C-alpha cells in the first residue's frame, strides 16, 4: 500500500495533526520528516513545546527498517514534542509504534481522534 500522510499545523493551539497510512520505506520517512518540520515552523511556541496528534489507523505493519526510521524521527531531541497522542487501529501496528516511541509523554488511543486531542489540550 502506498505511503501517504497529511500534516496540518494549528498555530493557535501549538498543535500538529498528522494523518498517516500505508507502508513506508526510508525515503518516504525522510519526506515525512521534512513536512513535519515545516509544520513545526508554522507554530508560535518555543522548541519542544508543540503538541502532536497522530492518526495512524490506516498504517500498515512496517518493516524493521521503517520502524528504526520512525524511531529516529520520534526521538530526535531537536523536534521532540511536549506530548504526543497516537490513535491506532491494528494491534501489531500499535505495538510497533509503542516500540518506536519509547517515551513517557506518549498516550495511545483506540477509536476516534477527538479523545486524543482532548487529552493533548487538557494535559
PDB file of N, CA and C in Angstrom:
ATOM      1  N   UNK A   1       0.840  -1.172   0.000  1.00  0.00           N
ATOM      2  CA  UNK A   1       0.000   0.000   0.000  1.00  0.00           C
ATOM      3  C   UNK A   1       0.890   1.242   0.000  1.00  0.00           C
ATOM      4  N   UNK A   2       0.572   2.178  -0.824  1.00  0.00           N
ATOM      5  CA  UNK A   2       1.350   3.400  -0.996  1.00  0.00           C
ATOM      6  C   UNK A   2       1.361   4.235   0.287  1.00  0.00           C
ATOM      7  N   UNK A   3       2.525   4.758   0.669  1.00  0.00           N
ATOM      8  CA  UNK A   3       2.572   5.608   1.862  1.00  0.00           C
ATOM      9  C   UNK A   3       1.861   6.932   1.597  1.00  0.00           C
ATOM     10  N   UNK A   4       1.182   7.425   2.607  1.00  0.00           N
ATOM     11  CA  UNK A   4       0.503   8.712   2.475  1.00  0.00           C
ATOM     12  C   UNK A   4       0.446   9.366   3.851  1.00  0.00           C
ATOM     13  N   UNK A   5       0.445  10.685   3.828  1.00  0.00           N
ATOM     14  CA  UNK A   5       0.311  11.425   5.077  1.00  0.00           C
ATOM     15  C   UNK A   5      -0.199  12.817   4.784  1.00  0.00           C
ATOM     16  N   UNK A   6      -0.831  13.391   5.784  1.00  0.00           N
ATOM     17  CA  UNK A   6      -1.266  14.782   5.756  1.00  0.00           C
ATOM     18  C   UNK A   6      -0.857  15.382   7.095  1.00  0.00           C
ATOM     19  N   UNK A   7      -0.247  16.551   7.048  1.00  0.00           N
ATOM     20  CA  UNK A   7       0.204  17.219   8.265  1.00  0.00           C
ATOM     21  C   UNK A   7      -0.382  18.626   8.278  1.00  0.00           C
ATOM     22  N   UNK A   8      -1.107  18.936   9.361  1.00  0.00           N
ATOM     23  CA  UNK A   8      -1.761  20.236   9.485  1.00  0.00           C
ATOM     24  C   UNK A   8      -1.291  20.892  10.778  1.00  0.00           C
ATOM     25  N   UNK A   9      -0.802  22.119  10.664  1.00  0.00           N
ATOM     26  CA  UNK A   9      -0.375  22.886  11.838  1.00  0.00           C
ATOM     27  C   UNK A   9      -1.501  23.811  12.272  1.00  0.00           C
ATOM     28  N   UNK A  10      -1.736  23.884  13.581  1.00  0.00           N
ATOM     29  CA  UNK A  10      -2.698  24.812  14.161  1.00  0.00           C
ATOM     30  C   UNK A  10      -1.919  25.729  15.109  1.00  0.00           C
ATOM     31  N   UNK A  11      -1.446  26.881  14.599  1.00  0.00           N
ATOM     32  CA  UNK A  11      -0.622  27.765  15.426  1.00  0.00           C
ATOM     33  C   UNK A  11      -1.325  28.266  16.687  1.00  0.00           C
ATOM     34  N   UNK A  12      -2.635  28.448  16.645  1.00  0.00           N
ATOM     35  CA  UNK A  12      -3.359  28.950  17.815  1.00  0.00           C
ATOM     36  C   UNK A  12      -3.291  27.975  18.987  1.00  0.00           C
ATOM     37  N   UNK A  13      -3.221  26.679  18.687  1.00  0.00           N
ATOM     38  CA  UNK A  13      -3.170  25.650  19.731  1.00  0.00           C
ATOM     39  C   UNK A  13      -1.781  25.038  19.888  1.00  0.00           C
ATOM     40  N   UNK A  14      -0.820  25.476  19.053  1.00  0.00           N
ATOM     41  CA  UNK A  14       0.511  24.856  19.022  1.00  0.00           C
ATOM     42  C   UNK A  14       0.394  23.345  18.833  1.00  0.00           C
ATOM     43  N   UNK A  15      -0.498  22.973  17.910  1.00  0.00           N
ATOM     44  CA  UNK A  15      -0.844  21.580  17.663  1.00  0.00           C
ATOM     45  C   UNK A  15      -0.531  21.203  16.223  1.00  0.00           C
ATOM     46  N   UNK A  16       0.121  20.063  16.061  1.00  0.00           N
ATOM     47  CA  UNK A  16       0.342  19.483  14.739  1.00  0.00           C
ATOM     48  C   UNK A  16      -0.484  18.204  14.678  1.00  0.00           C
ATOM     49  N   UNK A  17      -1.355  18.114  13.669  1.00  0.00           N
ATOM     50  CA  UNK A  17      -2.174  16.924  13.474  1.00  0.00           C
ATOM     51  C   UNK A  17      -1.654  16.183  12.253  1.00  0.00           C
ATOM     52  N   UNK A  18      -1.339  14.911  12.455  1.00  0.00           N
ATOM     53  CA  UNK A  18      -0.773  14.075  11.398  1.00  0.00           C
ATOM     54  C   UNK A  18      -1.713  12.907  11.157  1.00  0.00           C
ATOM     55  N   UNK A  19      -2.091  12.712   9.896  1.00  0.00           N
ATOM     56  CA  UNK A  19      -2.820  11.514   9.488  1.00  0.00           C
ATOM     57  C   UNK A  19      -1.869  10.748   8.587  1.00  0.00           C
ATOM     58  N   UNK A  20      -1.628   9.489   8.917  1.00  0.00           N
ATOM     59  CA  UNK A  20      -0.595   8.722   8.225  1.00  0.00           C
ATOM     60  C   UNK A  20      -1.097   7.306   7.962  1.00  0.00           C
ATOM     61  N   UNK A  21      -0.746   6.771   6.804  1.00  0.00           N
ATOM     62  CA  UNK A  21      -1.164   5.413   6.474  1.00  0.00           C
ATOM     63  C   UNK A  21      -0.283   4.818   5.396  1.00  0.00           C
ATOM     64  N   UNK A  22      -0.447   3.526   5.189  1.00  0.00           N
ATOM     65  CA  UNK A  22       0.310   2.840   4.157  1.00  0.00           C
ATOM     66  C   UNK A  22       1.578   2.200   4.688  1.00  0.00           C
ATOM     67  N   UNK A  23       2.452   1.879   3.759  1.00  0.00           N
ATOM     68  CA  UNK A  23       3.712   1.203   4.065  1.00  0.00           C
ATOM     69  C   UNK A  23       4.853   2.125   3.660  1.00  0.00           C
ATOM     70  N   UNK A  24       5.777   2.407   4.571  1.00  0.00           N
ATOM     71  CA  UNK A  24       6.832   3.392   4.362  1.00  0.00           C
ATOM     72  C   UNK A  24       8.198   2.741   4.205  1.00  0.00           C
ATOM     73  N   UNK A  25       8.983   3.294   3.275  1.00  0.00           N
ATOM     74  CA  UNK A  25      10.409   2.987   3.148  1.00  0.00           C
ATOM     75  C   UNK A  25      11.163   4.222   3.650  1.00  0.00           C
ATOM     76  N   UNK A  26      12.465   4.112   3.830  1.00  0.00           N
ATOM     77  CA  UNK A  26      13.237   5.223   4.389  1.00  0.00           C
ATOM     78  C   UNK A  26      13.087   6.522   3.593  1.00  0.00           C
ATOM     79  N   UNK A  27      13.105   6.500   2.252  1.00  0.00           N
ATOM     80  CA  UNK A  27      12.909   7.771   1.536  1.00  0.00           C
ATOM     81  C   UNK A  27      11.558   8.428   1.846  1.00  0.00           C
ATOM     82  N   UNK A  28      10.525   7.614   2.052  1.00  0.00           N
ATOM     83  CA  UNK A  28       9.207   8.152   2.417  1.00  0.00           C
ATOM     84  C   UNK A  28       9.252   8.791   3.801  1.00  0.00           C
ATOM     85  N   UNK A  29       9.969   8.175   4.709  1.00  0.00           N
ATOM     86  CA  UNK A  29      10.104   8.710   6.068  1.00  0.00           C
ATOM     87  C   UNK A  29      10.858  10.032   6.035  1.00  0.00           C
ATOM     88  N   UNK A  30      11.856  10.138   5.163  1.00  0.00           N
ATOM     89  CA  UNK A  30      12.601  11.393   5.029  1.00  0.00           C
ATOM     90  C   UNK A  30      11.689  12.522   4.550  1.00  0.00           C
ATOM     91  N   UNK A  31      10.830  12.242   3.565  1.00  0.00           N
ATOM     92  CA  UNK A  31       9.881  13.244   3.063  1.00  0.00           C
ATOM     93  C   UNK A  31       8.889  13.621   4.167  1.00  0.00           C
ATOM     94  N   UNK A  32       8.408  12.617   4.893  1.00  0.00           N
ATOM     95  CA  UNK A  32       7.505  12.858   6.020  1.00  0.00           C
ATOM     96  C   UNK A  32       8.164  13.783   7.050  1.00  0.00           C
ATOM     97  N   UNK A  33       9.405  13.492   7.397  1.00  0.00           N
ATOM     98  CA  UNK A  33      10.109  14.291   8.404  1.00  0.00           C
ATOM     99  C   UNK A  33      10.256  15.745   7.955  1.00  0.00           C
ATOM    100  N   UNK A  34      10.564  15.958   6.684  1.00  0.00           N
ATOM    101  CA  UNK A  34      10.686  17.323   6.170  1.00  0.00           C
ATOM    102  C   UNK A  34       9.358  18.069   6.266  1.00  0.00           C
ATOM    103  N   UNK A  35       8.266  17.385   5.932  1.00  0.00           N
ATOM    104  CA  UNK A  35       6.938  18.006   6.015  1.00  0.00           C
ATOM    105  C   UNK A  35       6.562  18.294   7.465  1.00  0.00           C
ATOM    106  N   UNK A  36       6.887  17.380   8.354  1.00  0.00           N
ATOM    107  CA  UNK A  36       6.605  17.585   9.785  1.00  0.00           C
ATOM    108  C   UNK A  36       7.398  18.782  10.317  1.00  0.00           C
ATOM    109  N   UNK A  37       8.663  18.898   9.928  1.00  0.00           N
ATOM    110  CA  UNK A  37       9.490  20.024  10.359  1.00  0.00           C
ATOM    111  C   UNK A  37       8.930  21.348   9.840  1.00  0.00           C
ATOM    112  N   UNK A  38       8.422  21.350   8.608  1.00  0.00           N
ATOM    113  CA  UNK A  38       7.807  22.555   8.043  1.00  0.00           C
ATOM    114  C   UNK A  38       6.567  22.946   8.848  1.00  0.00           C
ATOM    115  N   UNK A  39       5.792  21.969   9.281  1.00  0.00           N
ATOM    116  CA  UNK A  39       4.614  22.250  10.117  1.00  0.00           C
ATOM    117  C   UNK A  39       5.039  22.836  11.457  1.00  0.00           C
ATOM    118  N   UNK A  40       6.095  22.317  12.046  1.00  0.00           N
ATOM    119  CA  UNK A  40       6.592  22.851  13.324  1.00  0.00           C
ATOM    120  C   UNK A  40       6.966  24.328  13.189  1.00  0.00           C
ATOM    121  N   UNK A  41       7.531  24.706  12.057  1.00  0.00           N
ATOM    122  CA  UNK A  41       7.950  26.100  11.861  1.00  0.00           C
ATOM    123  C   UNK A  41       6.759  27.060  11.784  1.00  0.00           C
ATOM    124  N   UNK A  42       5.569  26.546  11.544  1.00  0.00           N
ATOM    125  CA  UNK A  42       4.368  27.392  11.483  1.00  0.00           C
ATOM    126  C   UNK A  42       3.815  27.719  12.873  1.00  0.00           C
ATOM    127  N   UNK A  43       4.277  27.018  13.886  1.00  0.00           N
ATOM    128  CA  UNK A  43       3.740  27.186  15.232  1.00  0.00           C
ATOM    129  C   UNK A  43       4.365  28.390  15.932  1.00  0.00           C
ATOM    130  N   UNK A  44       3.703  28.868  16.973  1.00  0.00           N
ATOM    131  CA  UNK A  44       4.152  30.043  17.723  1.00  0.00           C
ATOM    132  C   UNK A  44       4.939  29.691  18.974  1.00  0.00           C
ATOM    133  N   UNK A  45       4.901  28.449  19.386  1.00  0.00           N
ATOM    134  CA  UNK A  45       5.546  28.045  20.639  1.00  0.00           C
ATOM    135  C   UNK A  45       7.053  27.869  20.444  1.00  0.00           C
ATOM    136  N   UNK A  46       7.745  27.752  21.556  1.00  0.00           N
ATOM    137  CA  UNK A  46       9.171  27.501  21.515  1.00  0.00           C
ATOM    138  C   UNK A  46       9.470  26.059  21.136  1.00  0.00           C
ATOM    139  N   UNK A  47      10.737  25.749  20.948  1.00  0.00           N
ATOM    140  CA  UNK A  47      11.132  24.382  20.599  1.00  0.00           C
ATOM    141  C   UNK A  47      10.646  23.377  21.644  1.00  0.00           C
ATOM    142  N   UNK A  48      10.192  22.254  21.166  1.00  0.00           N
ATOM    143  CA  UNK A  48       9.766  21.126  22.000  1.00  0.00           C
ATOM    144  C   UNK A  48       8.533  21.421  22.854  1.00  0.00           C
ATOM    145  N   UNK A  49       7.799  22.473  22.535  1.00  0.00           N
ATOM    146  CA  UNK A  49       6.571  22.796  23.274  1.00  0.00           C
ATOM    147  C   UNK A  49       5.317  22.448  22.476  1.00  0.00           C
ATOM    148  N   UNK A  50       5.475  21.970  21.252  1.00  0.00           N
ATOM    149  CA  UNK A  50       4.327  21.643  20.420  1.00  0.00           C
ATOM    150  C   UNK A  50       3.658  20.350  20.889  1.00  0.00           C
ATOM    151  N   UNK A  51       2.366  20.262  20.598  1.00  0.00           N
ATOM    152  CA  UNK A  51       1.584  19.059  20.849  1.00  0.00           C
ATOM    153  C   UNK A  51       1.375  18.370  19.511  1.00  0.00           C
ATOM    154  N   UNK A  52       1.374  17.043  19.511  1.00  0.00           N
ATOM    155  CA  UNK A  52       1.232  16.305  18.259  1.00  0.00           C
ATOM    156  C   UNK A  52       0.160  15.241  18.404  1.00  0.00           C
ATOM    157  N   UNK A  53      -0.776  15.248  17.454  1.00  0.00           N
ATOM    158  CA  UNK A  53      -1.818  14.228  17.362  1.00  0.00           C
ATOM    159  C   UNK A  53      -1.556  13.424  16.098  1.00  0.00           C
ATOM    160  N   UNK A  54      -1.384  12.118  16.249  1.00  0.00           N
ATOM    161  CA  UNK A  54      -1.102  11.243  15.109  1.00  0.00           C
ATOM    162  C   UNK A  54      -2.241  10.243  14.972  1.00  0.00           C
ATOM    163  N   UNK A  55      -2.917  10.279  13.823  1.00  0.00           N
ATOM    164  CA  UNK A  55      -3.952   9.296  13.498  1.00  0.00           C
ATOM    165  C   UNK A  55      -3.317   8.293  12.548  1.00  0.00           C
ATOM    166  N   UNK A  56      -2.996   7.117  13.078  1.00  0.00           N
ATOM    167  CA  UNK A  56      -2.331   6.096  12.258  1.00  0.00           C
ATOM    168  C   UNK A  56      -3.202   4.848  12.111  1.00  0.00           C
ATOM    169  N   UNK A  57      -4.524   5.047  12.109  1.00  0.00           N
ATOM    170  CA  UNK A  57      -5.433   3.911  11.990  1.00  0.00           C
ATOM    171  C   UNK A  57      -5.288   3.187  10.658  1.00  0.00           C
ATOM    172  N   UNK A  58      -4.792   3.876   9.632  1.00  0.00           N
ATOM    173  CA  UNK A  58      -4.624   3.258   8.312  1.00  0.00           C
ATOM    174  C   UNK A  58      -3.182   2.830   8.049  1.00  0.00           C
ATOM    175  N   UNK A  59      -2.363   2.817   9.077  1.00  0.00           N
ATOM    176  CA  UNK A  59      -0.956   2.437   8.927  1.00  0.00           C
ATOM    177  C   UNK A  59      -0.851   0.927   8.768  1.00  0.00           C
ATOM    178  N   UNK A  60      -0.031   0.509   7.829  1.00  0.00           N
ATOM    179  CA  UNK A  60       0.237  -0.912   7.623  1.00  0.00           C
ATOM    180  C   UNK A  60       1.322  -1.356   8.604  1.00  0.00           C
ATOM    181  N   UNK A  61       1.464  -2.655   8.761  1.00  0.00           N
ATOM    182  CA  UNK A  61       2.581  -3.199   9.516  1.00  0.00           C
ATOM    183  C   UNK A  61       3.845  -2.793   8.764  1.00  0.00           C
ATOM    184  N   UNK A  62       4.839  -2.267   9.481  1.00  0.00           N
ATOM    185  CA  UNK A  62       6.035  -1.710   8.854  1.00  0.00           C
ATOM    186  C   UNK A  62       7.225  -2.666   8.932  1.00  0.00           C
ATOM    187  N   UNK A  63       8.161  -2.463   8.020  1.00  0.00           N
ATOM    188  CA  UNK A  63       9.412  -3.226   8.043  1.00  0.00           C
ATOM    189  C   UNK A  63      10.257  -2.762   9.226  1.00  0.00           C
ATOM    190  N   UNK A  64      11.233  -3.558   9.589  1.00  0.00           N
ATOM    191  CA  UNK A  64      12.142  -3.178  10.675  1.00  0.00           C
ATOM    192  C   UNK A  64      12.885  -1.891  10.325  1.00  0.00           C
ATOM    193  N   UNK A  65      13.254  -1.733   9.056  1.00  0.00           N
ATOM    194  CA  UNK A  65      13.930  -0.505   8.611  1.00  0.00           C
ATOM    195  C   UNK A  65      13.045   0.717   8.856  1.00  0.00           C
ATOM    196  N   UNK A  66      11.766   0.597   8.547  1.00  0.00           N
ATOM    197  CA  UNK A  66      10.846   1.721   8.750  1.00  0.00           C
ATOM    198  C   UNK A  66      10.670   2.022  10.237  1.00  0.00           C
ATOM    199  N   UNK A  67      10.587   0.995  11.054  1.00  0.00           N
ATOM    200  CA  UNK A  67      10.449   1.208  12.499  1.00  0.00           C
ATOM    201  C   UNK A  67      11.648   1.984  13.028  1.00  0.00           C
ATOM    202  N   UNK A  68      12.841   1.606  12.602  1.00  0.00           N
ATOM    203  CA  UNK A  68      14.054   2.313  13.025  1.00  0.00           C
ATOM    204  C   UNK A  68      14.017   3.759  12.525  1.00  0.00           C
ATOM    205  N   UNK A  69      13.560   3.962  11.293  1.00  0.00           N
ATOM    206  CA  UNK A  69      13.462   5.315  10.749  1.00  0.00           C
ATOM    207  C   UNK A  69      12.493   6.185  11.526  1.00  0.00           C
ATOM    208  N   UNK A  70      11.321   5.647  11.834  1.00  0.00           N
ATOM    209  CA  UNK A  70      10.344   6.401  12.620  1.00  0.00           C
ATOM    210  C   UNK A  70      10.835   6.621  14.048  1.00  0.00           C
ATOM    211  N   UNK A  71      11.566   5.669  14.582  1.00  0.00           N
ATOM    212  CA  UNK A  71      12.129   5.819  15.923  1.00  0.00           C
ATOM    213  C   UNK A  71      13.084   7.014  15.952  1.00  0.00           C
ATOM    214  N   UNK A  72      13.889   7.147  14.927  1.00  0.00           N
ATOM    215  CA  UNK A  72      14.812   8.282  14.824  1.00  0.00           C
ATOM    216  C   UNK A  72      14.031   9.603  14.776  1.00  0.00           C
ATOM    217  N   UNK A  73      12.952   9.633  13.995  1.00  0.00           N
ATOM    218  CA  UNK A  73      12.140  10.844  13.874  1.00  0.00           C
ATOM    219  C   UNK A  73      11.482  11.185  15.212  1.00  0.00           C
ATOM    220  N   UNK A  74      10.891  10.190  15.855  1.00  0.00           N
ATOM    221  CA  UNK A  74      10.168  10.415  17.113  1.00  0.00           C
ATOM    222  C   UNK A  74      11.077  10.845  18.255  1.00  0.00           C
ATOM    223  N   UNK A  75      12.287  10.371  18.253  1.00  0.00           N
ATOM    224  CA  UNK A  75      13.180  10.602  19.391  1.00  0.00           C
ATOM    225  C   UNK A  75      14.255  11.656  19.136  1.00  0.00           C
ATOM    226  N   UNK A  76      14.117  12.417  18.058  1.00  0.00           N
ATOM    227  CA  UNK A  76      15.064  13.483  17.758  1.00  0.00           C
ATOM    228  C   UNK A  76      14.867  14.613  18.780  1.00  0.00           C
ATOM    229  N   UNK A  77      15.864  14.896  19.624  1.00  0.00           N
ATOM    230  CA  UNK A  77      15.687  15.911  20.668  1.00  0.00           C
ATOM    231  C   UNK A  77      15.412  17.310  20.120  1.00  0.00           C
ATOM    232  N   UNK A  78      15.808  17.599  18.905  1.00  0.00           N
ATOM    233  CA  UNK A  78      15.597  18.930  18.335  1.00  0.00           C
ATOM    234  C   UNK A  78      14.134  19.170  17.959  1.00  0.00           C
ATOM    235  N   UNK A  79      13.379  18.102  17.691  1.00  0.00           N
ATOM    236  CA  UNK A  79      11.999  18.261  17.233  1.00  0.00           C
ATOM    237  C   UNK A  79      10.996  17.512  18.105  1.00  0.00           C
ATOM    238  N   UNK A  80      11.441  17.043  19.239  1.00  0.00           N
ATOM    239  CA  UNK A  80      10.593  16.259  20.139  1.00  0.00           C
ATOM    240  C   UNK A  80       9.404  17.100  20.611  1.00  0.00           C
ATOM    241  N   UNK A  81       8.215  16.506  20.563  1.00  0.00           N
ATOM    242  CA  UNK A  81       7.002  17.186  21.015  1.00  0.00           C
ATOM    243  C   UNK A  81       6.862  17.116  22.530  1.00  0.00           C
ATOM    244  N   UNK A  82       6.177  18.095  23.086  1.00  0.00           N
ATOM    245  CA  UNK A  82       5.897  18.104  24.523  1.00  0.00           C
ATOM    246  C   UNK A  82       5.062  16.882  24.898  1.00  0.00           C
ATOM    247  N   UNK A  83       4.018  16.631  24.108  1.00  0.00           N
ATOM    248  CA  UNK A  83       3.176  15.445  24.282  1.00  0.00           C
ATOM    249  C   UNK A  83       2.722  14.965  22.916  1.00  0.00           C
ATOM    250  N   UNK A  84       2.535  13.656  22.810  1.00  0.00           N
ATOM    251  CA  UNK A  84       2.038  13.049  21.579  1.00  0.00           C
ATOM    252  C   UNK A  84       0.864  12.150  21.934  1.00  0.00           C
ATOM    253  N   UNK A  85      -0.227  12.300  21.190  1.00  0.00           N
ATOM    254  CA  UNK A  85      -1.363  11.387  21.291  1.00  0.00           C
ATOM    255  C   UNK A  85      -1.427  10.610  19.983  1.00  0.00           C
ATOM    256  N   UNK A  86      -1.449   9.294  20.081  1.00  0.00           N
ATOM    257  CA  UNK A  86      -1.443   8.444  18.894  1.00  0.00           C
ATOM    258  C   UNK A  86      -2.715   7.611  18.875  1.00  0.00           C
ATOM    259  N   UNK A  87      -3.464   7.730  17.774  1.00  0.00           N
ATOM    260  CA  UNK A  87      -4.679   6.946  17.579  1.00  0.00           C
ATOM    261  C   UNK A  87      -4.318   5.785  16.668  1.00  0.00           C
ATOM    262  N   UNK A  88      -4.550   4.572  17.161  1.00  0.00           N
ATOM    263  CA  UNK A  88      -4.163   3.374  16.417  1.00  0.00           C
ATOM    264  C   UNK A  88      -5.375   2.514  16.114  1.00  0.00           C
ATOM    265  N   UNK A  89      -5.179   1.612  15.172  1.00  0.00           N
ATOM    266  CA  UNK A  89      -6.209   0.649  14.831  1.00  0.00           C
ATOM    267  C   UNK A  89      -5.699  -0.756  15.038  1.00  0.00           C
ATOM    268  N   UNK A  90      -4.850  -1.200  14.145  1.00  0.00           N
ATOM    269  CA  UNK A  90      -4.346  -2.568  14.171  1.00  0.00           C
ATOM    270  C   UNK A  90      -3.416  -2.793  15.363  1.00  0.00           C
ATOM    271  N   UNK A  91      -3.584  -3.914  16.024  1.00  0.00           N
ATOM    272  CA  UNK A  91      -2.822  -4.218  17.234  1.00  0.00           C
ATOM    273  C   UNK A  91      -1.323  -4.286  16.970  1.00  0.00           C
ATOM    274  N   UNK A  92      -0.908  -4.976  15.909  1.00  0.00           N
ATOM    275  CA  UNK A  92       0.519  -5.116  15.640  1.00  0.00           C
ATOM    276  C   UNK A  92       1.141  -3.768  15.285  1.00  0.00           C
ATOM    277  N   UNK A  93       0.430  -2.949  14.498  1.00  0.00           N
ATOM    278  CA  UNK A  93       0.943  -1.615  14.171  1.00  0.00           C
ATOM    279  C   UNK A  93       1.098  -0.788  15.443  1.00  0.00           C
ATOM    280  N   UNK A  94       0.160  -0.934  16.373  1.00  0.00           N
ATOM    281  CA  UNK A  94       0.261  -0.209  17.643  1.00  0.00           C
ATOM    282  C   UNK A  94       1.485  -0.677  18.418  1.00  0.00           C
ATOM    283  N   UNK A  95       1.716  -1.975  18.453  1.00  0.00           N
ATOM    284  CA  UNK A  95       2.888  -2.498  19.153  1.00  0.00           C
ATOM    285  C   UNK A  95       4.166  -1.955  18.530  1.00  0.00           C
ATOM    286  N   UNK A  96       4.183  -1.830  17.194  1.00  0.00           N
ATOM    287  CA  UNK A  96       5.369  -1.301  16.527  1.00  0.00           C
ATOM    288  C   UNK A  96       5.613   0.154  16.912  1.00  0.00           C
ATOM    289  N   UNK A  97       4.572   0.976  16.924  1.00  0.00           N
ATOM    290  CA  UNK A  97       4.767   2.389  17.257  1.00  0.00           C
ATOM    291  C   UNK A  97       5.120   2.554  18.734  1.00  0.00           C
ATOM    292  N   UNK A  98       4.572   1.709  19.604  1.00  0.00           N
ATOM    293  CA  UNK A  98       4.952   1.777  21.016  1.00  0.00           C
ATOM    294  C   UNK A  98       6.440   1.493  21.181  1.00  0.00           C
ATOM    295  N   UNK A  99       6.925   0.536  20.426  1.00  0.00           N
ATOM    296  CA  UNK A  99       8.351   0.209  20.491  1.00  0.00           C
ATOM    297  C   UNK A  99       9.191   1.356  19.928  1.00  0.00           C
ATOM    298  N   UNK A 100       8.720   1.984  18.860  1.00  0.00           N
ATOM    299  CA  UNK A 100       9.466   3.079  18.242  1.00  0.00           C
ATOM    300  C   UNK A 100       9.479   4.320  19.135  1.00  0.00           C
ATOM    301  N   UNK A 101       8.383   4.585  19.828  1.00  0.00           N
ATOM    302  CA  UNK A 101       8.284   5.820  20.615  1.00  0.00           C
ATOM    303  C   UNK A 101       9.121   5.761  21.887  1.00  0.00           C
ATOM    304  N   UNK A 102       8.982   4.732  22.684  1.00  0.00           N
ATOM    305  CA  UNK A 102       9.760   4.572  23.918  1.00  0.00           C
ATOM    306  C   UNK A 102       9.822   5.855  24.740  1.00  0.00           C
ATOM    307  N   UNK A 103       8.704   6.533  24.885  1.00  0.00           N
ATOM    308  CA  UNK A 103       8.686   7.807  25.604  1.00  0.00           C
ATOM    309  C   UNK A 103       7.537   7.834  26.595  1.00  0.00           C
ATOM    310  N   UNK A 104       7.713   8.576  27.662  1.00  0.00           N
ATOM    311  CA  UNK A 104       6.675   8.686  28.686  1.00  0.00           C
ATOM    312  C   UNK A 104       5.608   9.700  28.320  1.00  0.00           C
ATOM    313  N   UNK A 105       5.903  10.612  27.401  1.00  0.00           N
ATOM    314  CA  UNK A 105       4.966  11.671  27.052  1.00  0.00           C
ATOM    315  C   UNK A 105       4.071  11.300  25.877  1.00  0.00           C
ATOM    316  N   UNK A 106       3.892  10.001  25.643  1.00  0.00           N
ATOM    317  CA  UNK A 106       3.051   9.498  24.563  1.00  0.00           C
ATOM    318  C   UNK A 106       1.883   8.748  25.182  1.00  0.00           C
ATOM    319  N   UNK A 107       0.682   9.024  24.671  1.00  0.00           N
ATOM    320  CA  UNK A 107      -0.520   8.314  25.107  1.00  0.00           C
ATOM    321  C   UNK A 107      -1.161   7.689  23.867  1.00  0.00           C
ATOM    322  N   UNK A 108      -1.682   6.481  24.011  1.00  0.00           N
ATOM    323  CA  UNK A 108      -2.274   5.752  22.895  1.00  0.00           C
ATOM    324  C   UNK A 108      -3.781   5.686  23.061  1.00  0.00           C
ATOM    325  N   UNK A 109      -4.486   5.816  21.933  1.00  0.00           N
ATOM    326  CA  UNK A 109      -5.940   5.807  21.926  1.00  0.00           C
ATOM    327  C   UNK A 109      -6.427   4.894  20.812  1.00  0.00           C
ATOM    328  N   UNK A 110      -7.558   4.259  21.046  1.00  0.00           N
ATOM    329  CA  UNK A 110      -8.248   3.491  20.013  1.00  0.00           C
ATOM    330  C   UNK A 110      -9.519   4.258  19.683  1.00  0.00           C
ATOM    331  N   UNK A 111      -9.945   4.166  18.458  1.00  0.00           N
ATOM    332  CA  UNK A 111     -11.187   4.846  18.099  1.00  0.00           C
ATOM    333  C   UNK A 111     -10.946   6.145  17.372  1.00  0.00           C
ATOM    334  N   UNK A 112     -11.673   7.180  17.791  1.00  0.00           N
ATOM    335  CA  UNK A 112     -11.653   8.458  17.086  1.00  0.00           C
ATOM    336  C   UNK A 112     -10.622   9.427  17.677  1.00  0.00           C
ATOM    337  N   UNK A 113     -10.079  10.313  16.838  1.00  0.00           N
ATOM    338  CA  UNK A 113      -9.038  11.251  17.283  1.00  0.00           C
ATOM    339  C   UNK A 113      -9.502  12.312  18.285  1.00  0.00           C
ATOM    340  N   UNK A 114     -10.801  12.537  18.425  1.00  0.00           N
ATOM    341  CA  UNK A 114     -11.279  13.598  19.314  1.00  0.00           C
ATOM    342  C   UNK A 114     -10.835  13.381  20.760  1.00  0.00           C
ATOM    343  N   UNK A 115     -10.910  12.139  21.239  1.00  0.00           N
ATOM    344  CA  UNK A 115     -10.481  11.839  22.612  1.00  0.00           C
ATOM    345  C   UNK A 115      -8.989  12.139  22.786  1.00  0.00           C
ATOM    346  N   UNK A 116      -8.211  11.797  21.778  1.00  0.00           N
ATOM    347  CA  UNK A 116      -6.769  12.045  21.825  1.00  0.00           C
ATOM    348  C   UNK A 116      -6.479  13.543  21.859  1.00  0.00           C
ATOM    349  N   UNK A 117      -7.210  14.312  21.055  1.00  0.00           N
ATOM    350  CA  UNK A 117      -6.992  15.757  21.040  1.00  0.00           C
ATOM    351  C   UNK A 117      -7.386  16.374  22.380  1.00  0.00           C
ATOM    352  N   UNK A 118      -8.465  15.908  22.972  1.00  0.00           N
ATOM    353  CA  UNK A 118      -8.873  16.408  24.289  1.00  0.00           C
ATOM    354  C   UNK A 118      -7.772  16.166  25.313  1.00  0.00           C
ATOM    355  N   UNK A 119      -7.185  14.976  25.295  1.00  0.00           N
ATOM    356  CA  UNK A 119      -6.092  14.666  26.222  1.00  0.00           C
ATOM    357  C   UNK A 119      -4.916  15.618  26.008  1.00  0.00           C
ATOM    358  N   UNK A 120      -4.563  15.852  24.737  1.00  0.00           N
ATOM    359  CA  UNK A 120      -3.437  16.742  24.444  1.00  0.00           C
ATOM    360  C   UNK A 120      -3.680  18.148  24.982  1.00  0.00           C
ATOM    361  N   UNK A 121      -4.847  18.686  24.696  1.00  0.00           N
ATOM    362  CA  UNK A 121      -5.121  20.081  25.022  1.00  0.00           C
ATOM    363  C   UNK A 121      -5.387  20.306  26.504  1.00  0.00           C
ATOM    364  N   UNK A 122      -5.761  19.266  27.219  1.00  0.00           N
ATOM    365  CA  UNK A 122      -6.067  19.411  28.646  1.00  0.00           C
ATOM    366  C   UNK A 122      -4.980  18.847  29.547  1.00  0.00           C
ATOM    367  N   UNK A 123      -3.911  18.311  28.945  1.00  0.00           N
ATOM    368  CA  UNK A 123      -2.852  17.684  29.734  1.00  0.00           C
ATOM    369  C   UNK A 123      -1.912  18.672  30.235  1.00  0.00           C
TER     370      UNK A 123
END
